[in-house]
Amino acid sequence: MVALIATCSTQLLFAQDTKVSSLTPLLTSYFQVKNAFINSNSADAATHSGEFLKAISSVDMKTLPAADMTAFMSFQDKLAFDA
């Protein structure tokens, strides 16, 4: 999971354009869950975990570059299970 997040966020940080990826909502949800855990807020963590699960299901694979699609597909089931 860390590899997927690192790959996607690195690509987003160093991208020359500001095009929004279909992984952007997934990353946003992930960071919301992480922040809720850091703040010891279990209610927010539960809420954001549900949003994260929806974001996993709503990723449009057709719009992803091949490298992102491969990385996401290898972690998709684990991400959904851990959410």
Protein backbone atom coordinates (compact mmCIF):
# COMPACT_ATOMS: atom_id res chain seq x y z
CA MET A 1 0.00 0.00 0.00
CA VAL A 2 2.83 2.36 0.83
CA ALA A 3 4.40 1.66 -2.57
CA LEU A 4 1.16 2.59 -4.36
CA ILE A 5 0.76 5.79 -2.39
CA ALA A 6 4.42 6.73 -2.90
CA THR A 7 4.27 6.02 -6.63
CA CYS A 8 1.10 7.99 -7.20
CA SER A 9 1.99 10.94 -4.98
CA THR A 10 5.47 11.17 -6.51
CA GLN A 11 3.97 11.26 -9.97
CA LEU A 12 1.47 13.89 -8.87
CA LEU A 13 4.17 16.02 -7.25
CA PHE A 14 6.53 15.96 -10.21
CA ALA A 15 3.97 16.07 -12.99
CA GLN A 16 4.35 18.96 -15.41
CA ASP A 17 0.62 19.46 -15.81
CA THR A 18 -2.11 19.80 -13.22
CA LYS A 19 -4.31 17.10 -14.70
CA VAL A 20 -6.30 15.33 -12.01
CA SER A 21 -5.82 11.57 -11.98
CA SER A 22 -8.60 9.14 -11.20
CA LEU A 23 -6.41 8.17 -8.22
CA THR A 24 -6.66 11.67 -6.71
CA PRO A 25 -9.87 10.94 -4.73
CA LEU A 26 -8.29 7.70 -3.51
CA LEU A 27 -5.20 9.52 -2.26
CA THR A 28 -7.31 12.23 -0.64
CA SER A 29 -9.37 9.62 1.20
CA TYR A 30 -6.24 7.76 2.27
CA PHE A 31 -4.75 10.91 3.78
CA GLN A 32 -8.02 11.68 5.57
CA VAL A 33 -8.00 8.21 7.17
CA LYS A 34 -4.33 8.59 8.10
CA ASN A 35 -4.91 12.00 9.66
CA ALA A 36 -7.88 10.72 11.65
CA PHE A 37 -5.73 7.92 13.06
CA ILE A 38 -2.93 10.35 13.90
CA ASN A 39 -5.43 12.55 15.73
CA SER A 40 -6.85 9.49 17.56
CA ASN A 41 -10.29 10.28 16.19
CA SER A 42 -11.97 6.91 15.70
CA ALA A 43 -15.28 8.37 14.48
CA ASP A 44 -13.57 10.27 11.66
CA ALA A 45 -11.37 7.26 10.89
CA ALA A 46 -14.47 5.09 10.46
CA THR A 47 -16.21 7.67 8.29
CA HIS A 48 -13.17 8.24 6.09
CA SER A 49 -12.51 4.51 5.82
CA GLY A 50 -15.95 4.12 4.24
CA GLU A 51 -15.15 6.93 1.83
CA PHE A 52 -11.80 5.28 1.07
CA LEU A 53 -13.55 2.01 0.23
CA LYS A 54 -15.90 3.86 -2.14
CA ALA A 55 -12.91 5.61 -3.73
CA ILE A 56 -11.21 2.25 -4.33
CA SER A 57 -14.32 0.98 -6.10
CA SER A 58 -14.72 4.13 -8.19
CA VAL A 59 -11.22 4.25 -9.72
CA ASP A 60 -11.60 4.35 -13.51
CA MET A 61 -8.92 1.94 -14.71
CA LYS A 62 -9.35 3.03 -18.34
CA THR A 63 -8.03 6.52 -17.61
CA LEU A 64 -4.92 5.40 -15.71
CA PRO A 65 -1.50 5.24 -17.32
CA ALA A 66 -0.25 1.66 -17.67
CA ALA A 67 2.24 1.94 -14.77
CA ASP A 68 -0.41 3.34 -12.40
CA MET A 69 -2.95 0.74 -13.46
CA THR A 70 -0.48 -2.08 -12.83
CA ALA A 71 0.46 -0.70 -9.41
CA PHE A 72 -3.16 -0.12 -8.44
CA MET A 73 -4.36 -3.53 -9.61
CA SER A 74 -1.69 -5.29 -7.56
CA PHE A 75 -2.90 -3.54 -4.37
CA GLN A 76 -6.62 -3.10 -5.04
CA ASP A 77 -7.83 -6.16 -3.13
CA LYS A 78 -5.54 -5.50 -0.16
CA LEU A 79 -6.62 -1.87 0.01
CA ALA A 80 -10.28 -2.87 0.00
CA PHE A 81 -9.71 -5.52 2.68
CA ASP A 82 -7.79 -3.11 4.93
CA ALA A 83 -10.33 -0.32 4.53
